[in-house]
Amino acid sequence: MAKDWSDAELIVLIFWISRGVYHETCAHLINQKCGQSRTIVGLRDRLRRLREGFPEIGHHNHWNIEAVDNWVQSRGLGRMEVEQLVSYTEEAQRIIAEHQNENDIREIYQQYPLQEDSRG
C-alpha cells in the first residue's frame, strides 16, 4: 500500500502541474523537493482526487491559478517551507530541462508566481 501523501508533496504536485509541468517531471520534482518516489499512475490518481475534492482549482489546461495558490497556502505549512517547494531553483531548472522544454516552463512560471492569499 502506498504511503499517504504529505502536504508538501501535494503542494509540489498541484503547484507545478498547474504551471504546465508534465506528470513525469513533477514526479522527479517531488522526489527532489520532498524525498518521496511517486509513480506516474499514483501521481495522476492523486491529482484526479485533488481536483474532485477541490473543483475550484480547475483542471488540465484550465487551471485557476488564484484558487491553486489559495489552496497551497491553506495547507498550514509555513511561508518559507512553501517557498522552498515552489521555488524555481537551479535543481528544479535542471530537472525540468531534462524532461521538457525549459523555456516553456520558465515563461509559465514567470507569468504565474505564487500569489499572496487573496482572502486576506
PDB file of N, CA and C in Angstrom:
ATOM      1  N   MET A   1       0.843  -1.185   0.000  1.00  0.00           N
ATOM      2  CA  MET A   1       0.000   0.000   0.000  1.00  0.00           C
ATOM      3  C   MET A   1       0.884   1.244   0.000  1.00  0.00           C
ATOM      4  N   ALA A   2       0.532   2.207  -0.791  1.00  0.00           N
ATOM      5  CA  ALA A   2       1.321   3.436  -0.918  1.00  0.00           C
ATOM      6  C   ALA A   2       1.173   4.296   0.333  1.00  0.00           C
ATOM      7  N   LYS A   3       2.259   4.941   0.672  1.00  0.00           N
ATOM      8  CA  LYS A   3       2.258   5.876   1.791  1.00  0.00           C
ATOM      9  C   LYS A   3       1.365   7.065   1.465  1.00  0.00           C
ATOM     10  N   ASP A   4       0.648   7.548   2.489  1.00  0.00           N
ATOM     11  CA  ASP A   4      -0.173   8.742   2.280  1.00  0.00           C
ATOM     12  C   ASP A   4       0.695   9.905   1.814  1.00  0.00           C
ATOM     13  N   TRP A   5       0.089  10.776   1.063  1.00  0.00           N
ATOM     14  CA  TRP A   5       0.788  11.943   0.542  1.00  0.00           C
ATOM     15  C   TRP A   5       0.876  13.010   1.624  1.00  0.00           C
ATOM     16  N   SER A   6       2.024  13.608   1.766  1.00  0.00           N
ATOM     17  CA  SER A   6       2.208  14.723   2.702  1.00  0.00           C
ATOM     18  C   SER A   6       1.691  16.008   2.059  1.00  0.00           C
ATOM     19  N   ASP A   7       1.445  17.013   2.900  1.00  0.00           N
ATOM     20  CA  ASP A   7       1.049  18.320   2.363  1.00  0.00           C
ATOM     21  C   ASP A   7       2.125  18.865   1.433  1.00  0.00           C
ATOM     22  N   ALA A   8       3.381  18.647   1.778  1.00  0.00           N
ATOM     23  CA  ALA A   8       4.469  19.139   0.931  1.00  0.00           C
ATOM     24  C   ALA A   8       4.402  18.506  -0.464  1.00  0.00           C
ATOM     25  N   GLU A   9       4.184  17.198  -0.537  1.00  0.00           N
ATOM     26  CA  GLU A   9       4.080  16.530  -1.832  1.00  0.00           C
ATOM     27  C   GLU A   9       2.892  17.056  -2.633  1.00  0.00           C
ATOM     28  N   LEU A  10       1.757  17.243  -1.965  1.00  0.00           N
ATOM     29  CA  LEU A  10       0.568  17.746  -2.643  1.00  0.00           C
ATOM     30  C   LEU A  10       0.791  19.152  -3.177  1.00  0.00           C
ATOM     31  N   ILE A  11       1.503  19.970  -2.418  1.00  0.00           N
ATOM     32  CA  ILE A  11       1.810  21.326  -2.871  1.00  0.00           C
ATOM     33  C   ILE A  11       2.688  21.288  -4.116  1.00  0.00           C
ATOM     34  N   VAL A  12       3.737  20.474  -4.084  1.00  0.00           N
ATOM     35  CA  VAL A  12       4.599  20.353  -5.260  1.00  0.00           C
ATOM     36  C   VAL A  12       3.777  19.866  -6.451  1.00  0.00           C
ATOM     37  N   LEU A  13       2.960  18.859  -6.232  1.00  0.00           N
ATOM     38  CA  LEU A  13       2.135  18.311  -7.305  1.00  0.00           C
ATOM     39  C   LEU A  13       1.238  19.366  -7.935  1.00  0.00           C
ATOM     40  N   ILE A  14       0.393  19.977  -7.156  1.00  0.00           N
ATOM     41  CA  ILE A  14      -0.612  20.870  -7.712  1.00  0.00           C
ATOM     42  C   ILE A  14       0.001  22.169  -8.238  1.00  0.00           C
ATOM     43  N   PHE A  15       1.007  22.693  -7.531  1.00  0.00           N
ATOM     44  CA  PHE A  15       1.626  23.933  -7.991  1.00  0.00           C
ATOM     45  C   PHE A  15       2.285  23.738  -9.350  1.00  0.00           C
ATOM     46  N   TRP A  16       3.155  22.746  -9.456  1.00  0.00           N
ATOM     47  CA  TRP A  16       3.923  22.588 -10.686  1.00  0.00           C
ATOM     48  C   TRP A  16       3.072  22.088 -11.848  1.00  0.00           C
ATOM     49  N   ILE A  17       2.134  21.180 -11.593  1.00  0.00           N
ATOM     50  CA  ILE A  17       1.241  20.723 -12.668  1.00  0.00           C
ATOM     51  C   ILE A  17       0.417  21.895 -13.193  1.00  0.00           C
ATOM     52  N   SER A  18      -0.070  22.732 -12.286  1.00  0.00           N
ATOM     53  CA  SER A  18      -0.892  23.871 -12.718  1.00  0.00           C
ATOM     54  C   SER A  18      -0.098  24.881 -13.529  1.00  0.00           C
ATOM     55  N   ARG A  19       1.215  24.837 -13.414  1.00  0.00           N
ATOM     56  CA  ARG A  19       2.082  25.749 -14.181  1.00  0.00           C
ATOM     57  C   ARG A  19       2.534  25.129 -15.494  1.00  0.00           C
ATOM     58  N   GLY A  20       2.089  23.921 -15.800  1.00  0.00           N
ATOM     59  CA  GLY A  20       2.414  23.306 -17.078  1.00  0.00           C
ATOM     60  C   GLY A  20       3.508  22.263 -17.048  1.00  0.00           C
ATOM     61  N   VAL A  21       3.949  21.855 -15.863  1.00  0.00           N
ATOM     62  CA  VAL A  21       4.971  20.819 -15.757  1.00  0.00           C
ATOM     63  C   VAL A  21       4.326  19.464 -16.031  1.00  0.00           C
ATOM     64  N   TYR A  22       4.990  18.645 -16.810  1.00  0.00           N
ATOM     65  CA  TYR A  22       4.484  17.325 -17.147  1.00  0.00           C
ATOM     66  C   TYR A  22       4.457  16.427 -15.906  1.00  0.00           C
ATOM     67  N   HIS A  23       3.616  15.398 -15.945  1.00  0.00           N
ATOM     68  CA  HIS A  23       3.489  14.465 -14.821  1.00  0.00           C
ATOM     69  C   HIS A  23       4.835  13.821 -14.463  1.00  0.00           C
ATOM     70  N   GLU A  24       5.553  13.339 -15.469  1.00  0.00           N
ATOM     71  CA  GLU A  24       6.846  12.695 -15.216  1.00  0.00           C
ATOM     72  C   GLU A  24       7.820  13.666 -14.549  1.00  0.00           C
ATOM     73  N   THR A  25       7.853  14.891 -15.037  1.00  0.00           N
ATOM     74  CA  THR A  25       8.736  15.901 -14.461  1.00  0.00           C
ATOM     75  C   THR A  25       8.345  16.186 -13.024  1.00  0.00           C
ATOM     76  N   CYS A  26       7.048  16.275 -12.769  1.00  0.00           N
ATOM     77  CA  CYS A  26       6.553  16.551 -11.423  1.00  0.00           C
ATOM     78  C   CYS A  26       6.953  15.432 -10.453  1.00  0.00           C
ATOM     79  N   ALA A  27       6.921  14.193 -10.916  1.00  0.00           N
ATOM     80  CA  ALA A  27       7.348  13.076 -10.070  1.00  0.00           C
ATOM     81  C   ALA A  27       8.804  13.259  -9.643  1.00  0.00           C
ATOM     82  N   HIS A  28       9.644  13.729 -10.549  1.00  0.00           N
ATOM     83  CA  HIS A  28      11.054  13.979 -10.223  1.00  0.00           C
ATOM     84  C   HIS A  28      11.193  15.160  -9.257  1.00  0.00           C
ATOM     85  N   LEU A  29      10.365  16.189  -9.431  1.00  0.00           N
ATOM     86  CA  LEU A  29      10.402  17.333  -8.509  1.00  0.00           C
ATOM     87  C   LEU A  29       9.961  16.921  -7.106  1.00  0.00           C
ATOM     88  N   ILE A  30       8.957  16.067  -7.011  1.00  0.00           N
ATOM     89  CA  ILE A  30       8.519  15.567  -5.703  1.00  0.00           C
ATOM     90  C   ILE A  30       9.653  14.803  -5.037  1.00  0.00           C
ATOM     91  N   ASN A  31      10.350  14.002  -5.814  1.00  0.00           N
ATOM     92  CA  ASN A  31      11.478  13.254  -5.261  1.00  0.00           C
ATOM     93  C   ASN A  31      12.572  14.204  -4.774  1.00  0.00           C
ATOM     94  N   GLN A  32      12.884  15.213  -5.563  1.00  0.00           N
ATOM     95  CA  GLN A  32      13.956  16.155  -5.206  1.00  0.00           C
ATOM     96  C   GLN A  32      13.568  17.037  -4.032  1.00  0.00           C
ATOM     97  N   LYS A  33      12.346  17.553  -4.021  1.00  0.00           N
ATOM     98  CA  LYS A  33      11.942  18.522  -3.001  1.00  0.00           C
ATOM     99  C   LYS A  33      11.401  17.884  -1.732  1.00  0.00           C
ATOM    100  N   CYS A  34      10.866  16.651  -1.836  1.00  0.00           N
ATOM    101  CA  CYS A  34      10.221  16.012  -0.678  1.00  0.00           C
ATOM    102  C   CYS A  34      10.857  14.684  -0.283  1.00  0.00           C
ATOM    103  N   GLY A  35      11.730  14.169  -1.142  1.00  0.00           N
ATOM    104  CA  GLY A  35      12.389  12.906  -0.831  1.00  0.00           C
ATOM    105  C   GLY A  35      11.500  11.680  -0.981  1.00  0.00           C
ATOM    106  N   GLN A  36      10.413  11.793  -1.739  1.00  0.00           N
ATOM    107  CA  GLN A  36       9.492  10.676  -1.941  1.00  0.00           C
ATOM    108  C   GLN A  36       9.463  10.280  -3.409  1.00  0.00           C
ATOM    109  N   SER A  37       9.358   8.977  -3.652  1.00  0.00           N
ATOM    110  CA  SER A  37       9.209   8.479  -5.018  1.00  0.00           C
ATOM    111  C   SER A  37       7.737   8.182  -5.255  1.00  0.00           C
ATOM    112  N   ARG A  38       7.206   8.739  -6.303  1.00  0.00           N
ATOM    113  CA  ARG A  38       5.806   8.531  -6.682  1.00  0.00           C
ATOM    114  C   ARG A  38       5.749   8.087  -8.135  1.00  0.00           C
ATOM    115  N   THR A  39       4.896   7.104  -8.397  1.00  0.00           N
ATOM    116  CA  THR A  39       4.718   6.637  -9.768  1.00  0.00           C
ATOM    117  C   THR A  39       3.843   7.629 -10.524  1.00  0.00           C
ATOM    118  N   ILE A  40       3.927   7.569 -11.842  1.00  0.00           N
ATOM    119  CA  ILE A  40       3.091   8.424 -12.671  1.00  0.00           C
ATOM    120  C   ILE A  40       1.621   8.061 -12.458  1.00  0.00           C
ATOM    121  N   VAL A  41       1.318   6.778 -12.346  1.00  0.00           N
ATOM    122  CA  VAL A  41      -0.055   6.341 -12.115  1.00  0.00           C
ATOM    123  C   VAL A  41      -0.558   6.882 -10.774  1.00  0.00           C
ATOM    124  N   GLY A  42       0.259   6.763  -9.740  1.00  0.00           N
ATOM    125  CA  GLY A  42      -0.119   7.280  -8.426  1.00  0.00           C
ATOM    126  C   GLY A  42      -0.294   8.791  -8.438  1.00  0.00           C
ATOM    127  N   LEU A  43       0.582   9.466  -9.144  1.00  0.00           N
ATOM    128  CA  LEU A  43       0.500  10.918  -9.256  1.00  0.00           C
ATOM    129  C   LEU A  43      -0.791  11.336  -9.962  1.00  0.00           C
ATOM    130  N   ARG A  44      -1.111  10.673 -11.047  1.00  0.00           N
ATOM    131  CA  ARG A  44      -2.337  11.019 -11.793  1.00  0.00           C
ATOM    132  C   ARG A  44      -3.582  10.746 -10.952  1.00  0.00           C
ATOM    133  N   ASP A  45      -3.575   9.624 -10.212  1.00  0.00           N
ATOM    134  CA  ASP A  45      -4.720   9.302  -9.365  1.00  0.00           C
ATOM    135  C   ASP A  45      -4.887  10.341  -8.259  1.00  0.00           C
ATOM    136  N   ARG A  46      -3.789  10.736  -7.633  1.00  0.00           N
ATOM    137  CA  ARG A  46      -3.875  11.720  -6.547  1.00  0.00           C
ATOM    138  C   ARG A  46      -4.316  13.074  -7.080  1.00  0.00           C
ATOM    139  N   LEU A  47      -3.841  13.434  -8.247  1.00  0.00           N
ATOM    140  CA  LEU A  47      -4.242  14.683  -8.880  1.00  0.00           C
ATOM    141  C   LEU A  47      -5.741  14.664  -9.198  1.00  0.00           C
ATOM    142  N   ARG A  48      -6.230  13.544  -9.711  1.00  0.00           N
ATOM    143  CA  ARG A  48      -7.658  13.402 -10.007  1.00  0.00           C
ATOM    144  C   ARG A  48      -8.483  13.571  -8.736  1.00  0.00           C
ATOM    145  N   ARG A  49      -8.063  12.929  -7.652  1.00  0.00           N
ATOM    146  CA  ARG A  49      -8.799  13.039  -6.391  1.00  0.00           C
ATOM    147  C   ARG A  49      -8.735  14.452  -5.817  1.00  0.00           C
ATOM    148  N   LEU A  50      -7.613  15.122  -5.998  1.00  0.00           N
ATOM    149  CA  LEU A  50      -7.495  16.520  -5.554  1.00  0.00           C
ATOM    150  C   LEU A  50      -8.483  17.404  -6.303  1.00  0.00           C
ATOM    151  N   ARG A  51      -8.550  17.220  -7.608  1.00  0.00           N
ATOM    152  CA  ARG A  51      -9.475  18.033  -8.415  1.00  0.00           C
ATOM    153  C   ARG A  51     -10.925  17.730  -8.079  1.00  0.00           C
ATOM    154  N   GLU A  52     -11.240  16.484  -7.751  1.00  0.00           N
ATOM    155  CA  GLU A  52     -12.610  16.138  -7.343  1.00  0.00           C
ATOM    156  C   GLU A  52     -12.968  16.807  -6.021  1.00  0.00           C
ATOM    157  N   GLY A  53     -12.017  16.839  -5.099  1.00  0.00           N
ATOM    158  CA  GLY A  53     -12.267  17.438  -3.787  1.00  0.00           C
ATOM    159  C   GLY A  53     -12.254  18.956  -3.791  1.00  0.00           C
ATOM    160  N   PHE A  54     -11.545  19.530  -4.740  1.00  0.00           N
ATOM    161  CA  PHE A  54     -11.400  20.991  -4.825  1.00  0.00           C
ATOM    162  C   PHE A  54     -11.583  21.420  -6.281  1.00  0.00           C
ATOM    163  N   PRO A  55     -12.806  21.312  -6.801  1.00  0.00           N
ATOM    164  CA  PRO A  55     -13.020  21.611  -8.228  1.00  0.00           C
ATOM    165  C   PRO A  55     -12.684  23.048  -8.612  1.00  0.00           C
ATOM    166  N   GLU A  56     -12.651  23.953  -7.646  1.00  0.00           N
ATOM    167  CA  GLU A  56     -12.350  25.349  -7.946  1.00  0.00           C
ATOM    168  C   GLU A  56     -10.925  25.544  -8.476  1.00  0.00           C
ATOM    169  N   ILE A  57     -10.034  24.571  -8.251  1.00  0.00           N
ATOM    170  CA  ILE A  57      -8.659  24.735  -8.735  1.00  0.00           C
ATOM    171  C   ILE A  57      -8.549  24.553 -10.243  1.00  0.00           C
ATOM    172  N   GLY A  58      -9.559  23.963 -10.864  1.00  0.00           N
ATOM    173  CA  GLY A  58      -9.548  23.764 -12.304  1.00  0.00           C
ATOM    174  C   GLY A  58      -8.966  22.416 -12.675  1.00  0.00           C
ATOM    175  N   HIS A  59      -8.577  22.270 -13.939  1.00  0.00           N
ATOM    176  CA  HIS A  59      -8.032  21.002 -14.415  1.00  0.00           C
ATOM    177  C   HIS A  59      -7.317  21.195 -15.747  1.00  0.00           C
ATOM    178  N   HIS A  60      -6.470  20.238 -16.055  1.00  0.00           N
ATOM    179  CA  HIS A  60      -5.721  20.162 -17.312  1.00  0.00           C
ATOM    180  C   HIS A  60      -5.179  21.530 -17.741  1.00  0.00           C
ATOM    181  N   ASN A  61      -5.632  22.028 -18.853  1.00  0.00           N
ATOM    182  CA  ASN A  61      -5.138  23.314 -19.355  1.00  0.00           C
ATOM    183  C   ASN A  61      -5.991  24.488 -18.904  1.00  0.00           C
ATOM    184  N   HIS A  62      -6.861  24.273 -17.949  1.00  0.00           N
ATOM    185  CA  HIS A  62      -7.784  25.315 -17.487  1.00  0.00           C
ATOM    186  C   HIS A  62      -7.664  25.487 -15.977  1.00  0.00           C
ATOM    187  N   TRP A  63      -6.462  25.757 -15.515  1.00  0.00           N
ATOM    188  CA  TRP A  63      -6.222  25.912 -14.084  1.00  0.00           C
ATOM    189  C   TRP A  63      -6.636  27.299 -13.627  1.00  0.00           C
ATOM    190  N   ASN A  64      -7.202  27.373 -12.446  1.00  0.00           N
ATOM    191  CA  ASN A  64      -7.498  28.648 -11.792  1.00  0.00           C
ATOM    192  C   ASN A  64      -6.310  28.903 -10.863  1.00  0.00           C
ATOM    193  N   ILE A  65      -5.346  29.659 -11.344  1.00  0.00           N
ATOM    194  CA  ILE A  65      -4.088  29.854 -10.621  1.00  0.00           C
ATOM    195  C   ILE A  65      -4.326  30.492  -9.252  1.00  0.00           C
ATOM    196  N   GLU A  66      -5.222  31.439  -9.168  1.00  0.00           N
ATOM    197  CA  GLU A  66      -5.513  32.064  -7.881  1.00  0.00           C
ATOM    198  C   GLU A  66      -6.056  31.031  -6.892  1.00  0.00           C
ATOM    199  N   ALA A  67      -6.958  30.164  -7.344  1.00  0.00           N
ATOM    200  CA  ALA A  67      -7.510  29.118  -6.474  1.00  0.00           C
ATOM    201  C   ALA A  67      -6.433  28.110  -6.084  1.00  0.00           C
ATOM    202  N   VAL A  68      -5.549  27.761  -7.023  1.00  0.00           N
ATOM    203  CA  VAL A  68      -4.445  26.853  -6.715  1.00  0.00           C
ATOM    204  C   VAL A  68      -3.565  27.465  -5.626  1.00  0.00           C
ATOM    205  N   ASP A  69      -3.194  28.728  -5.804  1.00  0.00           N
ATOM    206  CA  ASP A  69      -2.320  29.382  -4.827  1.00  0.00           C
ATOM    207  C   ASP A  69      -2.993  29.512  -3.458  1.00  0.00           C
ATOM    208  N   ASN A  70      -4.286  29.782  -3.443  1.00  0.00           N
ATOM    209  CA  ASN A  70      -5.013  29.834  -2.170  1.00  0.00           C
ATOM    210  C   ASN A  70      -5.035  28.463  -1.510  1.00  0.00           C
ATOM    211  N   TRP A  71      -5.227  27.412  -2.306  1.00  0.00           N
ATOM    212  CA  TRP A  71      -5.212  26.052  -1.782  1.00  0.00           C
ATOM    213  C   TRP A  71      -3.833  25.724  -1.202  1.00  0.00           C
ATOM    214  N   VAL A  72      -2.787  26.065  -1.946  1.00  0.00           N
ATOM    215  CA  VAL A  72      -1.412  25.827  -1.487  1.00  0.00           C
ATOM    216  C   VAL A  72      -1.194  26.492  -0.127  1.00  0.00           C
ATOM    217  N   GLN A  73      -1.594  27.732  -0.013  1.00  0.00           N
ATOM    218  CA  GLN A  73      -1.367  28.476   1.226  1.00  0.00           C
ATOM    219  C   GLN A  73      -2.255  28.006   2.371  1.00  0.00           C
ATOM    220  N   SER A  74      -3.329  27.307   2.069  1.00  0.00           N
ATOM    221  CA  SER A  74      -4.241  26.826   3.115  1.00  0.00           C
ATOM    222  C   SER A  74      -3.774  25.527   3.749  1.00  0.00           C
ATOM    223  N   ARG A  75      -2.700  24.939   3.267  1.00  0.00           N
ATOM    224  CA  ARG A  75      -2.239  23.648   3.762  1.00  0.00           C
ATOM    225  C   ARG A  75      -1.616  23.726   5.146  1.00  0.00           C
ATOM    226  N   GLY A  76      -1.348  24.904   5.656  1.00  0.00           N
ATOM    227  CA  GLY A  76      -0.820  25.033   7.008  1.00  0.00           C
ATOM    228  C   GLY A  76       0.692  24.974   7.122  1.00  0.00           C
ATOM    229  N   LEU A  77       1.391  24.916   6.008  1.00  0.00           N
ATOM    230  CA  LEU A  77       2.850  24.957   6.067  1.00  0.00           C
ATOM    231  C   LEU A  77       3.297  26.410   6.172  1.00  0.00           C
ATOM    232  N   GLY A  78       4.450  26.633   6.743  1.00  0.00           N
ATOM    233  CA  GLY A  78       4.985  27.979   6.855  1.00  0.00           C
ATOM    234  C   GLY A  78       5.351  28.549   5.494  1.00  0.00           C
ATOM    235  N   ARG A  79       5.357  29.851   5.429  1.00  0.00           N
ATOM    236  CA  ARG A  79       5.644  30.566   4.175  1.00  0.00           C
ATOM    237  C   ARG A  79       7.001  30.151   3.587  1.00  0.00           C
ATOM    238  N   MET A  80       8.004  30.028   4.448  1.00  0.00           N
ATOM    239  CA  MET A  80       9.352  29.659   3.968  1.00  0.00           C
ATOM    240  C   MET A  80       9.346  28.249   3.372  1.00  0.00           C
ATOM    241  N   GLU A  81       8.655  27.319   4.022  1.00  0.00           N
ATOM    242  CA  GLU A  81       8.599  25.953   3.511  1.00  0.00           C
ATOM    243  C   GLU A  81       7.879  25.908   2.158  1.00  0.00           C
ATOM    244  N   VAL A  82       6.779  26.642   2.046  1.00  0.00           N
ATOM    245  CA  VAL A  82       6.054  26.698   0.771  1.00  0.00           C
ATOM    246  C   VAL A  82       6.952  27.294  -0.305  1.00  0.00           C
ATOM    247  N   GLU A  83       7.648  28.351   0.007  1.00  0.00           N
ATOM    248  CA  GLU A  83       8.536  28.979  -0.983  1.00  0.00           C
ATOM    249  C   GLU A  83       9.599  28.002  -1.463  1.00  0.00           C
ATOM    250  N   GLN A  84      10.127  27.168  -0.560  1.00  0.00           N
ATOM    251  CA  GLN A  84      11.122  26.172  -0.963  1.00  0.00           C
ATOM    252  C   GLN A  84      10.516  25.140  -1.915  1.00  0.00           C
ATOM    253  N   LEU A  85       9.274  24.782  -1.671  1.00  0.00           N
ATOM    254  CA  LEU A  85       8.617  23.770  -2.500  1.00  0.00           C
ATOM    255  C   LEU A  85       8.284  24.273  -3.895  1.00  0.00           C
ATOM    256  N   VAL A  86       7.999  25.563  -4.019  1.00  0.00           N
ATOM    257  CA  VAL A  86       7.568  26.105  -5.311  1.00  0.00           C
ATOM    258  C   VAL A  86       8.651  26.939  -5.992  1.00  0.00           C
ATOM    259  N   SER A  87       9.833  27.059  -5.379  1.00  0.00           N
ATOM    260  CA  SER A  87      10.845  27.903  -6.000  1.00  0.00           C
ATOM    261  C   SER A  87      11.465  27.239  -7.214  1.00  0.00           C
ATOM    262  N   TYR A  88      11.752  28.090  -8.156  1.00  0.00           N
ATOM    263  CA  TYR A  88      12.339  27.678  -9.430  1.00  0.00           C
ATOM    264  C   TYR A  88      13.852  27.697  -9.269  1.00  0.00           C
ATOM    265  N   THR A  89      14.352  26.754  -8.483  1.00  0.00           N
ATOM    266  CA  THR A  89      15.769  26.678  -8.143  1.00  0.00           C
ATOM    267  C   THR A  89      16.574  26.128  -9.318  1.00  0.00           C
ATOM    268  N   GLU A  90      17.891  26.177  -9.174  1.00  0.00           N
ATOM    269  CA  GLU A  90      18.751  25.596 -10.206  1.00  0.00           C
ATOM    270  C   GLU A  90      18.461  24.110 -10.364  1.00  0.00           C
ATOM    271  N   GLU A  91      18.242  23.413  -9.249  1.00  0.00           N
ATOM    272  CA  GLU A  91      17.940  21.977  -9.317  1.00  0.00           C
ATOM    273  C   GLU A  91      16.597  21.733 -10.018  1.00  0.00           C
ATOM    274  N   ALA A  92      15.595  22.534  -9.710  1.00  0.00           N
ATOM    275  CA  ALA A  92      14.296  22.415 -10.389  1.00  0.00           C
ATOM    276  C   ALA A  92      14.473  22.689 -11.880  1.00  0.00           C
ATOM    277  N   GLN A  93      15.244  23.700 -12.216  1.00  0.00           N
ATOM    278  CA  GLN A  93      15.503  24.011 -13.624  1.00  0.00           C
ATOM    279  C   GLN A  93      16.177  22.842 -14.327  1.00  0.00           C
ATOM    280  N   ARG A  94      17.138  22.203 -13.643  1.00  0.00           N
ATOM    281  CA  ARG A  94      17.837  21.056 -14.228  1.00  0.00           C
ATOM    282  C   ARG A  94      16.870  19.911 -14.494  1.00  0.00           C
ATOM    283  N   ILE A  95      16.014  19.604 -13.512  1.00  0.00           N
ATOM    284  CA  ILE A  95      15.041  18.520 -13.664  1.00  0.00           C
ATOM    285  C   ILE A  95      14.082  18.825 -14.810  1.00  0.00           C
ATOM    286  N   ILE A  96      13.585  20.039 -14.849  1.00  0.00           N
ATOM    287  CA  ILE A  96      12.648  20.426 -15.901  1.00  0.00           C
ATOM    288  C   ILE A  96      13.316  20.353 -17.270  1.00  0.00           C
ATOM    289  N   ALA A  97      14.556  20.818 -17.362  1.00  0.00           N
ATOM    290  CA  ALA A  97      15.281  20.793 -18.636  1.00  0.00           C
ATOM    291  C   ALA A  97      15.501  19.362 -19.130  1.00  0.00           C
ATOM    292  N   GLU A  98      15.638  18.400 -18.199  1.00  0.00           N
ATOM    293  CA  GLU A  98      15.832  17.004 -18.584  1.00  0.00           C
ATOM    294  C   GLU A  98      14.573  16.376 -19.166  1.00  0.00           C
ATOM    295  N   HIS A  99      13.408  16.891 -18.797  1.00  0.00           N
ATOM    296  CA  HIS A  99      12.165  16.201 -19.132  1.00  0.00           C
ATOM    297  C   HIS A  99      11.222  16.985 -20.031  1.00  0.00           C
ATOM    298  N   GLN A 100      11.469  18.254 -20.209  1.00  0.00           N
ATOM    299  CA  GLN A 100      10.615  19.040 -21.095  1.00  0.00           C
ATOM    300  C   GLN A 100      11.314  20.336 -21.454  1.00  0.00           C
ATOM    301  N   ASN A 101      10.665  21.126 -22.263  1.00  0.00           N
ATOM    302  CA  ASN A 101      11.248  22.365 -22.747  1.00  0.00           C
ATOM    303  C   ASN A 101      11.313  23.392 -21.618  1.00  0.00           C
ATOM    304  N   GLU A 102      12.512  23.683 -21.143  1.00  0.00           N
ATOM    305  CA  GLU A 102      12.722  24.591 -20.016  1.00  0.00           C
ATOM    306  C   GLU A 102      12.194  25.999 -20.295  1.00  0.00           C
ATOM    307  N   ASN A 103      12.343  26.470 -21.520  1.00  0.00           N
ATOM    308  CA  ASN A 103      11.887  27.829 -21.840  1.00  0.00           C
ATOM    309  C   ASN A 103      10.377  27.974 -21.673  1.00  0.00           C
ATOM    310  N   ASP A 104       9.628  26.925 -22.049  1.00  0.00           N
ATOM    311  CA  ASP A 104       8.171  26.975 -21.868  1.00  0.00           C
ATOM    312  C   ASP A 104       7.820  27.097 -20.395  1.00  0.00           C
ATOM    313  N   ILE A 105       8.482  26.324 -19.558  1.00  0.00           N
ATOM    314  CA  ILE A 105       8.180  26.337 -18.129  1.00  0.00           C
ATOM    315  C   ILE A 105       8.610  27.659 -17.504  1.00  0.00           C
ATOM    316  N   ARG A 106       9.762  28.178 -17.874  1.00  0.00           N
ATOM    317  CA  ARG A 106      10.202  29.463 -17.325  1.00  0.00           C
ATOM    318  C   ARG A 106       9.180  30.549 -17.636  1.00  0.00           C
ATOM    319  N   GLU A 107       8.672  30.539 -18.863  1.00  0.00           N
ATOM    320  CA  GLU A 107       7.664  31.527 -19.264  1.00  0.00           C
ATOM    321  C   GLU A 107       6.383  31.371 -18.437  1.00  0.00           C
ATOM    322  N   ILE A 108       5.926  30.141 -18.269  1.00  0.00           N
ATOM    323  CA  ILE A 108       4.718  29.896 -17.479  1.00  0.00           C
ATOM    324  C   ILE A 108       4.932  30.333 -16.035  1.00  0.00           C
ATOM    325  N   TYR A 109       6.060  29.941 -15.455  1.00  0.00           N
ATOM    326  CA  TYR A 109       6.321  30.260 -14.050  1.00  0.00           C
ATOM    327  C   TYR A 109       6.419  31.772 -13.837  1.00  0.00           C
ATOM    328  N   GLN A 110       7.042  32.475 -14.765  1.00  0.00           N
ATOM    329  CA  GLN A 110       7.157  33.919 -14.623  1.00  0.00           C
ATOM    330  C   GLN A 110       5.803  34.606 -14.740  1.00  0.00           C
ATOM    331  N   GLN A 111       4.895  34.035 -15.494  1.00  0.00           N
ATOM    332  CA  GLN A 111       3.552  34.593 -15.612  1.00  0.00           C
ATOM    333  C   GLN A 111       2.723  34.344 -14.363  1.00  0.00           C
ATOM    334  N   TYR A 112       2.981  33.226 -13.678  1.00  0.00           N
ATOM    335  CA  TYR A 112       2.141  32.825 -12.553  1.00  0.00           C
ATOM    336  C   TYR A 112       2.953  32.494 -11.314  1.00  0.00           C
ATOM    337  N   PRO A 113       3.710  33.431 -10.747  1.00  0.00           N
ATOM    338  CA  PRO A 113       4.407  33.123  -9.493  1.00  0.00           C
ATOM    339  C   PRO A 113       3.384  32.938  -8.384  1.00  0.00           C
ATOM    340  N   LEU A 114       3.814  32.355  -7.272  1.00  0.00           N
ATOM    341  CA  LEU A 114       2.910  32.170  -6.139  1.00  0.00           C
ATOM    342  C   LEU A 114       2.349  33.505  -5.720  1.00  0.00           C
ATOM    343  N   GLN A 115       1.030  33.599  -5.678  1.00  0.00           N
ATOM    344  CA  GLN A 115       0.349  34.846  -5.351  1.00  0.00           C
ATOM    345  C   GLN A 115       0.061  34.904  -3.860  1.00  0.00           C
ATOM    346  N   GLU A 116      -0.025  36.110  -3.332  1.00  0.00           N
ATOM    347  CA  GLU A 116      -0.474  36.277  -1.946  1.00  0.00           C
ATOM    348  C   GLU A 116      -1.911  35.803  -1.845  1.00  0.00           C
ATOM    349  N   ASP A 117      -2.262  35.280  -0.706  1.00  0.00           N
ATOM    350  CA  ASP A 117      -3.631  34.801  -0.477  1.00  0.00           C
ATOM    351  C   ASP A 117      -4.605  35.960  -0.625  1.00  0.00           C
ATOM    352  N   SER A 118      -5.509  35.845  -1.575  1.00  0.00           N
ATOM    353  CA  SER A 118      -6.445  36.940  -1.841  1.00  0.00           C
ATOM    354  C   SER A 118      -7.569  37.008  -0.809  1.00  0.00           C
ATOM    355  N   ARG A 119      -7.608  36.002   0.102  1.00  0.00           N
ATOM    356  CA  ARG A 119      -8.650  36.025   1.128  1.00  0.00           C
ATOM    357  C   ARG A 119      -8.290  36.929   2.287  1.00  0.00           C
ATOM    358  N   GLY A 120      -7.053  37.451   2.300  1.00  0.00           N
ATOM    359  CA  GLY A 120      -6.674  38.420   3.337  1.00  0.00           C
ATOM    360  C   GLY A 120      -5.848  37.913   4.416  1.00  0.00           C
TER     361      GLY A 120
END
